[in-house]
Amino acid sequence: MGNRYAATLRLSMALGELGDLETKRKALLIGNSIRYIMTPAQLRFARFKSGPLGRTIDTMLGLALIWWGCELSSVVKDLAVVIGALALLAGVLNVCWVAPIIGIPFRGKDVPKAGQV
């Protein structure tokens, strides 16, 4: 725990004001890259979301919402198409739009694989 805390302090000093204390504790500098300190549940979700099944679900959900939105004729149409486009892009680009809120890496390639933790 001491090494992680020291690395987190070095990271916050290197990056200047990173934000609140909770954000500083979640980021960890290893080498030249920032890694996140995640709970086991966050790590499982991040691995699922960046894996083939998670990306396929995002892509299919996005296509379905866009199709459904095109069938509607109200303000809900615009909302469904925008949410569908975001889900489609998340699946194609391997990103997670809610990552900053739930404390996982934004890009799927930044999620540690099974043997890297």
C-alpha atoms as a PDB file:
ATOM      1  CA  MET A   1       0.000   0.000   0.000  1.00  0.00           C
ATOM      2  CA  GLY A   2       2.876   2.374   0.742  1.00  0.00           C
ATOM      3  CA  ASN A   3       4.304   2.043  -2.777  1.00  0.00           C
ATOM      4  CA  ARG A   4       0.943   2.787  -4.396  1.00  0.00           C
ATOM      5  CA  TYR A   5       0.419   5.805  -2.173  1.00  0.00           C
ATOM      6  CA  ALA A   6       3.915   7.128  -2.938  1.00  0.00           C
ATOM      7  CA  ALA A   7       3.392   6.580  -6.669  1.00  0.00           C
ATOM      8  CA  THR A   8       0.047   8.356  -6.502  1.00  0.00           C
ATOM      9  CA  LEU A   9       1.665  11.325  -4.757  1.00  0.00           C
ATOM     10  CA  ARG A  10       4.416  11.429  -7.410  1.00  0.00           C
ATOM     11  CA  LEU A  11       1.751  11.335 -10.120  1.00  0.00           C
ATOM     12  CA  SER A  12      -0.270  14.171  -8.615  1.00  0.00           C
ATOM     13  CA  MET A  13       2.872  16.278  -8.217  1.00  0.00           C
ATOM     14  CA  ALA A  14       3.967  15.509 -11.793  1.00  0.00           C
ATOM     15  CA  LEU A  15       0.581  16.367 -13.292  1.00  0.00           C
ATOM     16  CA  GLY A  16      -0.093  19.320 -11.035  1.00  0.00           C
ATOM     17  CA  GLU A  17      -3.630  19.688  -9.834  1.00  0.00           C
ATOM     18  CA  LEU A  18      -5.317  16.478 -10.946  1.00  0.00           C
ATOM     19  CA  GLY A  19      -8.592  17.148  -9.209  1.00  0.00           C
ATOM     20  CA  ASP A  20     -10.002  16.013  -5.915  1.00  0.00           C
ATOM     21  CA  LEU A  21      -8.257  13.572  -3.573  1.00  0.00           C
ATOM     22  CA  GLU A  22     -10.407  10.631  -4.717  1.00  0.00           C
ATOM     23  CA  THR A  23      -9.282  11.142  -8.329  1.00  0.00           C
ATOM     24  CA  LYS A  24      -5.665  11.336  -7.217  1.00  0.00           C
ATOM     25  CA  ARG A  25      -5.988   8.052  -5.353  1.00  0.00           C
ATOM     26  CA  LYS A  26      -7.488   6.274  -8.381  1.00  0.00           C
ATOM     27  CA  ALA A  27      -4.634   7.117 -10.745  1.00  0.00           C
ATOM     28  CA  LEU A  28      -1.263   5.417 -10.456  1.00  0.00           C
ATOM     29  CA  LEU A  29       1.873   6.142 -12.450  1.00  0.00           C
ATOM     30  CA  ILE A  30       3.709   3.018 -13.620  1.00  0.00           C
ATOM     31  CA  GLY A  31       6.538   3.752 -16.024  1.00  0.00           C
ATOM     32  CA  ASN A  32       5.260   6.389 -18.412  1.00  0.00           C
ATOM     33  CA  SER A  33       1.599   5.351 -18.375  1.00  0.00           C
ATOM     34  CA  ILE A  34      -1.265   6.048 -16.011  1.00  0.00           C
ATOM     35  CA  ARG A  35      -2.959   2.955 -14.589  1.00  0.00           C
ATOM     36  CA  TYR A  36      -6.120   2.983 -12.540  1.00  0.00           C
ATOM     37  CA  ILE A  37      -6.488   1.373  -9.141  1.00  0.00           C
ATOM     38  CA  MET A  38      -9.781  -0.479  -9.551  1.00  0.00           C
ATOM     39  CA  THR A  39     -11.895  -2.684  -7.348  1.00  0.00           C
ATOM     40  CA  PRO A  40     -12.395  -6.271  -8.567  1.00  0.00           C
ATOM     41  CA  ALA A  41     -15.937  -5.406  -9.725  1.00  0.00           C
ATOM     42  CA  GLN A  42     -14.689  -2.413 -11.726  1.00  0.00           C
ATOM     43  CA  LEU A  43     -11.958  -4.543 -13.274  1.00  0.00           C
ATOM     44  CA  ARG A  44     -14.422  -7.282 -14.301  1.00  0.00           C
ATOM     45  CA  PHE A  45     -16.770  -4.719 -15.841  1.00  0.00           C
ATOM     46  CA  ALA A  46     -13.924  -2.975 -17.688  1.00  0.00           C
ATOM     47  CA  ARG A  47     -12.650  -6.292 -19.070  1.00  0.00           C
ATOM     48  CA  PHE A  48     -16.169  -7.274 -20.164  1.00  0.00           C
ATOM     49  CA  LYS A  49     -16.822  -3.870 -21.759  1.00  0.00           C
ATOM     50  CA  SER A  50     -13.545  -3.908 -23.699  1.00  0.00           C
ATOM     51  CA  GLY A  51     -13.877  -7.554 -24.746  1.00  0.00           C
ATOM     52  CA  PRO A  52     -15.503  -8.878 -27.921  1.00  0.00           C
ATOM     53  CA  LEU A  53     -18.890  -9.592 -26.302  1.00  0.00           C
ATOM     54  CA  GLY A  54     -19.149  -6.155 -24.667  1.00  0.00           C
ATOM     55  CA  ARG A  55     -18.205  -4.379 -27.887  1.00  0.00           C
ATOM     56  CA  THR A  56     -20.671  -6.491 -29.899  1.00  0.00           C
ATOM     57  CA  ILE A  57     -23.481  -5.694 -27.460  1.00  0.00           C
ATOM     58  CA  ASP A  58     -22.679  -1.966 -27.680  1.00  0.00           C
ATOM     59  CA  THR A  59     -22.629  -2.060 -31.475  1.00  0.00           C
ATOM     60  CA  MET A  60     -25.867  -4.054 -31.803  1.00  0.00           C
ATOM     61  CA  LEU A  61     -27.636  -1.903 -29.200  1.00  0.00           C
ATOM     62  CA  GLY A  62     -26.535   1.220 -31.061  1.00  0.00           C
ATOM     63  CA  LEU A  63     -27.809  -0.091 -34.387  1.00  0.00           C
ATOM     64  CA  ALA A  64     -31.110  -1.153 -32.804  1.00  0.00           C
ATOM     65  CA  LEU A  65     -31.632   2.246 -31.166  1.00  0.00           C
ATOM     66  CA  ILE A  66     -30.855   4.081 -34.394  1.00  0.00           C
ATOM     67  CA  TRP A  67     -33.302   1.858 -36.316  1.00  0.00           C
ATOM     68  CA  TRP A  68     -35.995   2.259 -33.637  1.00  0.00           C
ATOM     69  CA  GLY A  69     -35.391   6.009 -33.504  1.00  0.00           C
ATOM     70  CA  CYS A  70     -35.891   6.305 -37.267  1.00  0.00           C
ATOM     71  CA  GLU A  71     -39.306   4.641 -36.902  1.00  0.00           C
ATOM     72  CA  LEU A  72     -40.520   7.219 -34.366  1.00  0.00           C
ATOM     73  CA  SER A  73     -41.781  10.692 -35.124  1.00  0.00           C
ATOM     74  CA  SER A  74     -41.187  12.869 -32.081  1.00  0.00           C
ATOM     75  CA  VAL A  75     -38.512  14.267 -29.804  1.00  0.00           C
ATOM     76  CA  VAL A  76     -37.898  10.698 -28.617  1.00  0.00           C
ATOM     77  CA  LYS A  77     -36.662   9.984 -32.157  1.00  0.00           C
ATOM     78  CA  ASP A  78     -33.780  12.432 -31.825  1.00  0.00           C
ATOM     79  CA  LEU A  79     -32.860  11.171 -28.378  1.00  0.00           C
ATOM     80  CA  ALA A  80     -32.920   7.510 -29.466  1.00  0.00           C
ATOM     81  CA  VAL A  81     -30.766   8.225 -32.526  1.00  0.00           C
ATOM     82  CA  VAL A  82     -28.191  10.192 -30.503  1.00  0.00           C
ATOM     83  CA  ILE A  83     -27.957   7.523 -27.785  1.00  0.00           C
ATOM     84  CA  GLY A  84     -27.783   4.832 -30.471  1.00  0.00           C
ATOM     85  CA  ALA A  85     -24.979   6.666 -32.251  1.00  0.00           C
ATOM     86  CA  LEU A  86     -23.034   6.987 -28.982  1.00  0.00           C
ATOM     87  CA  ALA A  87     -23.469   3.265 -28.255  1.00  0.00           C
ATOM     88  CA  LEU A  88     -22.465   2.366 -31.817  1.00  0.00           C
ATOM     89  CA  LEU A  89     -19.348   4.532 -31.593  1.00  0.00           C
ATOM     90  CA  ALA A  90     -18.477   3.069 -28.187  1.00  0.00           C
ATOM     91  CA  GLY A  91     -18.534  -0.434 -29.648  1.00  0.00           C
ATOM     92  CA  VAL A  92     -16.621   0.443 -32.796  1.00  0.00           C
ATOM     93  CA  LEU A  93     -13.991   2.663 -31.133  1.00  0.00           C
ATOM     94  CA  ASN A  94     -13.664   0.477 -27.977  1.00  0.00           C
ATOM     95  CA  VAL A  95     -14.381   3.282 -25.516  1.00  0.00           C
ATOM     96  CA  CYS A  96     -16.671   3.609 -22.503  1.00  0.00           C
ATOM     97  CA  TRP A  97     -18.528   6.917 -22.244  1.00  0.00           C
ATOM     98  CA  VAL A  98     -19.330   6.466 -18.527  1.00  0.00           C
ATOM     99  CA  ALA A  99     -15.755   5.495 -17.600  1.00  0.00           C
ATOM    100  CA  PRO A 100     -14.906   8.783 -15.827  1.00  0.00           C
ATOM    101  CA  ILE A 101     -17.996   8.409 -13.653  1.00  0.00           C
ATOM    102  CA  ILE A 102     -17.385   4.801 -12.590  1.00  0.00           C
ATOM    103  CA  GLY A 103     -13.581   5.013 -12.323  1.00  0.00           C
ATOM    104  CA  ILE A 104     -12.356   2.767 -15.138  1.00  0.00           C
ATOM    105  CA  PRO A 105     -10.108   3.588 -18.129  1.00  0.00           C
ATOM    106  CA  PHE A 106     -11.852   5.384 -21.016  1.00  0.00           C
ATOM    107  CA  ARG A 107     -10.124   3.393 -23.770  1.00  0.00           C
ATOM    108  CA  GLY A 108     -10.439  -0.376 -23.894  1.00  0.00           C
ATOM    109  CA  LYS A 109      -6.768  -0.848 -24.708  1.00  0.00           C
ATOM    110  CA  ASP A 110      -5.865   0.715 -21.334  1.00  0.00           C
ATOM    111  CA  VAL A 111      -7.683  -2.028 -19.388  1.00  0.00           C
ATOM    112  CA  PRO A 112      -5.193  -4.517 -17.937  1.00  0.00           C
ATOM    113  CA  LYS A 113      -5.567  -8.023 -19.327  1.00  0.00           C
ATOM    114  CA  ALA A 114      -5.964 -11.109 -17.137  1.00  0.00           C
ATOM    115  CA  GLY A 115      -2.260 -11.681 -16.447  1.00  0.00           C
ATOM    116  CA  GLN A 116      -1.200  -8.034 -16.134  1.00  0.00           C
ATOM    117  CA  VAL A 117      -2.689  -7.001 -12.797  1.00  0.00           C
END
